[in-house]
Structure formats: structure tokens, C-alpha cells
Protein backbone atom coordinates (compact mmCIF):
# COMPACT_ATOMS: atom_id res chain seq x y z
CA MET A 1 120.28 100.67 103.09
CA GLN A 2 117.84 100.54 106.02
CA LYS A 3 114.18 99.74 105.52
CA PRO A 4 111.78 102.63 106.04
CA ALA A 5 110.36 103.03 109.53
CA ALA A 6 106.87 102.29 108.22
CA SER A 7 107.83 98.61 107.88
CA SER A 8 108.47 98.36 111.61
CA PRO A 9 104.79 97.80 112.56
CA LEU A 10 104.63 94.80 110.23
CA VAL A 11 107.80 93.37 111.76
CA GLY A 12 106.32 93.95 115.20
CA VAL A 13 103.12 92.12 114.25
CA ALA A 14 105.13 89.15 112.93
CA LEU A 15 107.14 89.01 116.16
CA VAL A 16 104.00 88.97 118.31
CA ILE A 17 102.47 86.18 116.21
CA GLY A 18 105.68 84.16 116.57
CA SER A 19 105.49 84.60 120.32
CA CYS A 20 101.83 83.56 120.34
CA LEU A 21 102.72 80.37 118.47
CA SER A 22 105.62 79.46 120.72
CA LEU A 23 104.19 80.12 124.20
CA PRO A 24 101.15 77.80 124.30
CA PHE A 25 102.98 74.90 122.69
CA GLY A 26 105.71 75.32 125.29
CA ALA A 27 103.05 75.34 128.02
CA ALA A 28 101.51 72.16 126.63
CA VAL A 29 104.90 70.44 126.77
CA ALA A 30 105.43 71.77 130.30
CA ALA A 31 102.07 70.36 131.46
CA GLN A 32 103.36 66.87 130.77
CA LEU A 33 106.09 67.43 133.38
CA PHE A 34 103.73 68.55 136.17
CA PRO A 35 103.03 65.04 137.55
CA VAL A 36 106.76 64.53 138.16
CA LEU A 37 108.14 68.00 138.93
CA GLY A 38 105.09 70.06 139.91
CA PRO A 39 104.15 73.38 138.26
CA TRP A 40 106.53 75.53 140.32
CA GLY A 41 109.39 73.07 139.80
CA VAL A 42 108.84 73.20 136.04
CA THR A 43 108.71 77.00 136.20
CA SER A 44 112.04 77.13 138.03
CA LEU A 45 113.80 74.77 135.62
CA ARG A 46 112.39 76.45 132.54
CA VAL A 47 113.42 79.92 133.68
CA ALA A 48 116.87 78.75 134.83
CA ILE A 49 117.63 77.01 131.53
CA ALA A 50 116.41 80.01 129.54
CA ALA A 51 118.50 82.36 131.69
CA ILE A 52 121.65 80.30 131.19
CA LEU A 53 121.12 80.12 127.42
CA LEU A 54 120.54 83.86 127.05
CA VAL A 55 123.37 84.90 129.35
CA VAL A 56 125.78 82.74 127.32
CA ILE A 57 124.46 84.08 124.00
CA VAL A 58 123.98 87.75 124.92
CA ARG A 59 126.83 88.16 127.45
CA PRO A 60 125.33 91.15 129.27
CA ARG A 61 127.60 93.63 131.09
CA PRO A 62 125.46 94.82 134.02
CA ALA A 63 128.46 96.24 135.90
CA LYS A 64 128.13 99.38 133.76
CA TRP A 65 124.39 99.75 134.28
CA THR A 66 122.80 102.70 136.03
CA ARG A 67 120.45 102.36 138.98
CA PRO A 68 117.30 102.80 136.80
CA GLN A 69 118.54 100.04 134.48
CA TRP A 70 119.13 97.67 137.40
CA LEU A 71 115.74 98.48 138.91
CA ALA A 72 114.00 97.82 135.59
CA ALA A 73 115.79 94.46 135.16
CA VAL A 74 114.99 93.35 138.73
CA LEU A 75 111.30 94.27 138.48
CA PHE A 76 111.20 92.58 135.08
CA GLY A 77 112.57 89.44 136.73
CA VAL A 78 109.96 89.60 139.50
CA SER A 79 107.18 89.80 136.91
CA LEU A 80 108.64 86.87 134.96
CA ALA A 81 108.91 84.62 138.03
CA ALA A 82 105.43 85.34 139.37
CA MET A 83 103.61 85.42 136.02
CA ASN A 84 105.01 82.08 134.91
CA GLY A 85 104.73 80.35 138.28
CA PHE A 86 101.08 81.22 138.81
CA PHE A 87 100.25 80.43 135.18
CA TYR A 88 101.68 76.92 135.49
CA ALA A 89 99.95 76.47 138.85
CA ALA A 90 96.69 77.39 137.10
CA ILE A 91 97.01 75.09 134.07
CA ASP A 92 97.77 72.25 136.47
CA ARG A 93 94.13 72.67 137.58
CA ILE A 94 92.19 74.08 134.60
CA PRO A 95 92.39 73.50 130.81
CA LEU A 96 94.93 75.46 128.79
CA GLY A 97 92.50 77.35 126.53
CA PRO A 98 90.25 78.78 129.27
CA ALA A 99 93.29 79.53 131.42
CA VAL A 100 94.90 81.68 128.74
CA ALA A 101 91.55 83.34 128.03
CA ILE A 102 91.10 84.37 131.67
CA GLU A 103 94.72 85.49 131.94
CA PHE A 104 94.13 87.82 129.03
CA LEU A 105 91.95 90.00 131.22
CA GLY A 106 95.23 91.58 132.34
CA PRO A 107 96.64 92.83 129.02
CA LEU A 108 93.16 93.57 127.66
CA VAL A 109 92.45 95.89 130.57
CA LEU A 110 95.85 97.50 129.98
CA ALA A 111 95.04 97.97 126.29
CA ALA A 112 91.68 99.52 127.16
CA VAL A 113 93.31 101.93 129.60
CA LEU A 114 95.96 102.99 127.09
CA THR A 115 93.63 103.36 124.09
CA ARG A 116 92.72 106.85 122.88
CA LYS A 117 90.40 106.16 119.93
CA ALA A 118 86.92 104.69 119.75
CA ALA A 119 88.03 102.18 117.11
CA ASP A 120 90.82 100.90 119.35
CA PHE A 121 88.40 100.47 122.24
CA ALA A 122 85.95 98.64 119.96
CA TRP A 123 88.58 96.11 118.91
CA VAL A 124 89.54 95.59 122.54
CA GLY A 125 85.86 94.88 123.18
CA VAL A 126 85.76 92.29 120.39
CA ALA A 127 88.83 90.55 121.80
CA LEU A 128 87.34 90.66 125.29
CA LEU A 129 84.16 89.06 123.96
CA GLY A 130 86.29 86.23 122.62
CA MET A 131 87.83 85.80 126.07
CA VAL A 132 84.36 85.68 127.63
CA VAL A 133 83.24 82.99 125.18
CA LEU A 134 86.27 80.88 126.03
CA GLY A 135 85.58 81.36 129.72
CA ILE A 136 81.93 80.33 129.29
CA ASP A 137 83.08 77.24 127.41
CA GLY A 138 85.21 76.29 130.39
CA LEU A 139 82.29 76.82 132.79
CA ILE A 140 79.62 74.84 130.91
CA GLY A 141 81.87 72.23 129.30
CA ALA A 142 82.49 68.69 130.46
CA GLU A 143 85.44 69.80 132.57
CA PRO A 144 84.48 72.48 135.15
CA LEU A 145 86.98 75.14 136.17
CA ASP A 146 88.71 74.61 139.51
CA PRO A 147 88.18 77.73 141.71
CA LEU A 148 91.77 77.76 142.98
CA GLY A 149 92.99 77.46 139.40
CA VAL A 150 90.92 80.53 138.49
CA VAL A 151 92.45 82.45 141.41
CA PHE A 152 95.95 81.48 140.26
CA ILE A 153 95.31 82.60 136.69
CA LEU A 154 93.88 85.93 137.83
CA ILE A 155 97.05 86.53 139.85
CA ALA A 156 99.06 85.63 136.74
CA ALA A 157 96.99 88.16 134.77
CA GLY A 158 98.01 90.91 137.17
CA PHE A 159 101.67 90.04 136.87
CA TRP A 160 101.28 89.90 133.07
CA VAL A 161 100.35 93.58 133.16
CA MET A 162 103.50 94.21 135.20
CA TYR A 163 105.48 92.17 132.64
CA ILE A 164 104.20 94.28 129.72
CA ARG A 165 104.99 97.52 131.54
CA MET A 166 108.46 96.38 132.60
CA SER A 167 109.19 94.95 129.13
CA ALA A 168 108.65 98.43 127.74
CA ARG A 169 110.84 99.95 130.44
CA VAL A 170 113.64 97.42 129.85
CA GLY A 171 113.41 97.94 126.10
CA ALA A 172 113.70 101.70 126.57
CA LEU A 173 116.59 101.66 129.06
CA ILE A 174 118.71 98.64 128.13
CA PRO A 175 119.92 98.07 124.55
CA GLY A 176 119.73 94.67 122.88
CA SER A 177 118.65 91.58 124.81
CA SER A 178 120.79 92.20 127.89
CA GLY A 179 117.78 93.29 129.93
CA LEU A 180 115.91 90.11 129.05
CA ALA A 181 118.90 87.94 129.97
CA MET A 182 119.35 89.62 133.34
CA GLY A 183 115.60 89.62 134.00
CA LEU A 184 115.49 85.87 133.48
CA LEU A 185 118.54 85.49 135.72
CA VAL A 186 116.79 87.45 138.48
CA ALA A 187 113.69 85.27 138.05
CA ALA A 188 115.80 82.11 138.23
CA VAL A 189 117.37 83.26 141.51
CA LEU A 190 113.94 84.06 142.99
CA LEU A 191 112.69 80.58 142.06
CA ILE A 192 115.66 78.67 143.55
CA PRO A 193 113.76 77.57 146.71
CA VAL A 194 111.14 75.72 144.64
CA GLY A 195 113.61 74.60 141.98
CA ILE A 196 116.11 72.58 144.01
CA PRO A 197 113.91 69.43 144.33
CA ALA A 198 113.03 69.57 140.63
CA ALA A 199 116.68 69.98 139.63
CA SER A 200 117.70 66.91 141.62
CA THR A 201 114.96 64.86 139.94
CA VAL A 202 115.87 66.03 136.44
CA ALA A 203 119.57 65.36 137.01
CA MET A 204 118.80 61.65 137.22
CA ASP A 205 116.62 61.52 134.08
CA PRO A 206 118.02 62.89 130.76
CA GLN A 207 114.59 62.65 129.11
CA LEU A 208 113.08 65.00 131.69
CA LEU A 209 116.01 67.37 131.19
CA LEU A 210 115.38 67.40 127.43
CA LEU A 211 111.68 68.18 127.91
CA ALA A 212 112.56 70.94 130.36
CA ALA A 213 115.01 72.41 127.83
CA ILE A 214 112.39 72.32 125.05
CA THR A 215 109.93 74.04 127.39
CA ALA A 216 112.51 76.73 128.19
CA VAL A 217 113.16 77.51 124.53
CA LEU A 218 109.49 77.49 123.47
CA SER A 219 108.12 79.28 126.53
CA SER A 220 110.91 81.70 127.45
CA VAL A 221 113.74 82.27 124.98
CA ILE A 222 111.68 82.61 121.79
CA PRO A 223 108.56 84.44 123.03
CA TYR A 224 110.28 86.90 125.38
CA SER A 225 112.92 87.78 122.80
CA PHE A 226 110.21 88.32 120.19
CA GLU A 227 107.99 90.33 122.54
CA LEU A 228 110.81 92.58 123.70
CA ALA A 229 111.65 93.32 120.06
CA ALA A 230 107.97 93.87 119.22
CA LEU A 231 107.54 96.37 122.05
CA ARG A 232 110.25 98.49 120.42
CA ARG A 233 108.13 98.67 117.26
CA LEU A 234 104.53 98.78 118.52
CA PRO A 235 102.63 100.88 121.08
CA GLN A 236 101.70 98.99 124.25
CA ARG A 237 97.98 99.23 123.44
CA VAL A 238 98.50 97.58 120.04
CA PHE A 239 100.84 95.00 121.54
CA GLY A 240 98.20 94.10 124.14
CA VAL A 241 95.44 93.44 121.61
CA LEU A 242 97.67 91.58 119.14
CA LEU A 243 98.59 89.20 121.93
CA SER A 244 94.94 88.14 121.91
CA LEU A 245 95.97 85.67 119.20
CA GLU A 246 97.50 83.55 121.94
CA PRO A 247 94.26 82.01 123.32
CA ALA A 248 93.49 80.69 119.84
CA PHE A 249 96.90 79.03 119.63
CA ALA A 250 96.56 77.81 123.23
CA THR A 251 93.33 76.05 122.29
CA LEU A 252 95.10 74.49 119.30
CA ALA A 253 98.04 73.38 121.44
CA GLY A 254 95.72 71.90 124.06
CA TRP A 255 93.92 69.95 121.36
CA LEU A 256 97.04 68.68 119.56
CA ILE A 257 99.25 67.86 122.56
CA LEU A 258 96.95 67.46 125.58
CA GLY A 259 93.85 66.06 123.86
CA GLN A 260 91.59 68.95 124.92
CA ASP A 261 88.70 69.22 122.46
CA ALA A 262 88.04 72.37 120.43
CA THR A 263 84.31 72.91 120.97
CA PRO A 264 82.11 75.17 118.80
CA LEU A 265 82.29 77.89 121.46
CA ARG A 266 86.09 77.79 121.38
CA LEU A 267 86.05 78.04 117.59
CA LEU A 268 83.75 81.07 117.86
CA ALA A 269 86.13 82.63 120.36
CA ILE A 270 89.06 82.04 118.00
CA ALA A 271 87.18 83.87 115.22
CA LEU A 272 86.48 86.84 117.50
CA VAL A 273 90.09 86.99 118.68
CA ILE A 274 91.49 86.88 115.16
CA ALA A 275 89.01 89.57 114.04
CA ALA A 276 90.22 91.86 116.83
CA SER A 277 93.85 91.22 115.96
CA VAL A 278 93.34 91.90 112.25
CA GLY A 279 91.33 95.04 112.99
CA THR A 280 94.01 96.37 115.29
CA THR A 281 96.75 95.64 112.76
CA LEU A 282 94.87 97.44 109.98
CA GLY A 283 94.34 100.37 112.33
CA VAL A 284 98.07 100.64 112.94
CA ARG A 285 98.80 100.72 109.20
CA LYS A 286 96.09 103.36 108.64
CA ASP A 287 97.59 105.52 111.39
CA ARG A 288 100.94 105.37 109.62
CA ARG A 289 99.45 106.33 106.25
CA ASP A 290 97.40 109.18 107.74
CA GLY A 291 100.22 110.50 109.89
CA GLY A 292 98.24 109.73 113.07
CA PRO A 293 99.36 110.50 116.59
CA SER A 294 100.79 107.07 117.34
CA GLY A 295 104.39 108.28 117.00
CA PRO A 296 107.45 106.53 115.57
CA PHE A 297 107.14 102.80 116.08
CA THR A 298 110.90 102.30 116.18
CA ALA A 299 111.32 104.58 119.20
CA PRO A 300 111.40 103.21 122.74
CA ILE A 301 107.92 102.76 124.18
CA PRO A 302 107.22 105.39 126.89
CA LEU A 303 105.22 104.39 129.94
CA PRO A 304 101.98 106.29 130.53
CA ASP A 305 101.84 108.79 133.36
């Protein structure tokens, strides 16, 4: 017997939290490879390994796809390659916590654009305030933010918006995880020019290969699979605000793995981010109880006009 559709929002929330836990810890592991492989080399290896794993597991059959399905998968791959490459280029220059906070300007703006209720907009504002606090911490802390790193992370923020939009499109057009597998494969092909030197270096060092594989699983396979499934259960506006948990986990990962201190301002930002996430989640459940206009969460997520 299937579970009622009302349980789908809770499953979606759990999937987003799982993604938020996995991504920053994967990024922290990846940062340790930058001195040897460079940020773009690590991006290429991580995406290639993730693509191989998912293609083997999922076994997509793109030969039967329609033109809209192919277009969605290709654009999804473009967003994956650019978003990840510029993110790694940024955290090679600025701390992980502030980087993720600045990058969140992308999905937060998307959530604000898609929102239709004052309460939704208010929670977006609370989450945005948390991002601002994290950004201020990076500006006035002991380690100033590198301007080029800020430029890179703003570019990544723009491609993150594209990723969220194309994730919804792929989830609506392509069943299962085939769209994700092919999107990662497209991204891997696009990153080949910067990945060849890194691949030759890793081939001679099994320890580097193991770290690259761990990065691929934590930063690609787990979070993208979870997010694609979550987007089938949650509206994009809710998805965008729930992802605001990630800067809190990024700060934790930076502290545990990279030795980046959690200052009082960062702790305040974490509290604001969690408050926004909890408020948004409670709003989703209230909409379901009241029969609000949010629509069936299990249906494919339509893109706004």
C-alpha cells in the first residue's frame, strides 16, 4: 500500500537535508586536492567519476529520448560543469563558509521570485540575512575575501539558478535518474580539456584517486540524486529556501576538516538559516493541511512562465 501523498513533503525535506550534509563535506575533501590537481582538475575528475558510477548503476537509454529530453539533459550538464568548476575555483581563494553563503544569493533570489505569499517572502528574507551575516564575517574576519574568489562564486551562483531550473525540467521530462546520469556525462565531456592533466597525475597515485572518488560520491552522486528526488516532491521556492541549510553545514565542514574557525557571527548566521528552513518546512505542512494552492508535491515541478 502506498503512503499518502501528504508524506511526500517530509521525504523531500529529508532529501534536501541529506544533500546539504553531503555537499560541503565533499567540498572540504576536494579542497585538500587543490594544491596538486587545481580546482578545475578536481572538478573534472569528480564529475567524471560520478558520471561513470551513475551510468553503470542507472544504465540510461538516451537513444529513445525526444529532442526536449536531450536538450534538458545537455543544459543540465552545462549547469553542472560551470557551477561546480567556478565553485571550486572560488573556495581555492576564499573560505568555505563565506563562499557558500555568497553562492546562495542565486537560489535565494530564485525563491524570492517564485514566492507568492508574504510568509514565504519573509522566510526568504531571514535566510538572506543569515547569508549577509556570513558574508560580513568573511569581510571583517582575520582572513579577507579575495576579490577574484568573490567573482567566481557569484558566477557559480548564477549557474546554480540554472541548475535548479534544469533539475526541475529533467525531473519532469526524464523518469528515474537517467537524466542525472546523462547530465553528469555531458558535464564530464565538457570538462575534458581541463581534466586530462589531472587524470594523468591521479593515475600515478592511488591515494589521490581514492580522495577523488570520495569527493565524487559526497559532492555529486549523493547530493544530486537526493536533490533531483526532492524536486519531484517540493515546489522550487521551498526547495530553494530549504537549501539554505547548506551554509551552516559548510561552516561545520570547514571547521572540522579545514580548520576554519566558527566565529560568533557564523553561529548567528547558522541560527538564522535554520530558522528560515524550519519556518519554510512548517509552512509547507500548513499548506497541505489547509488545502493551499501549492499543488500536489508528487507531481513534476513546472517551470514558471
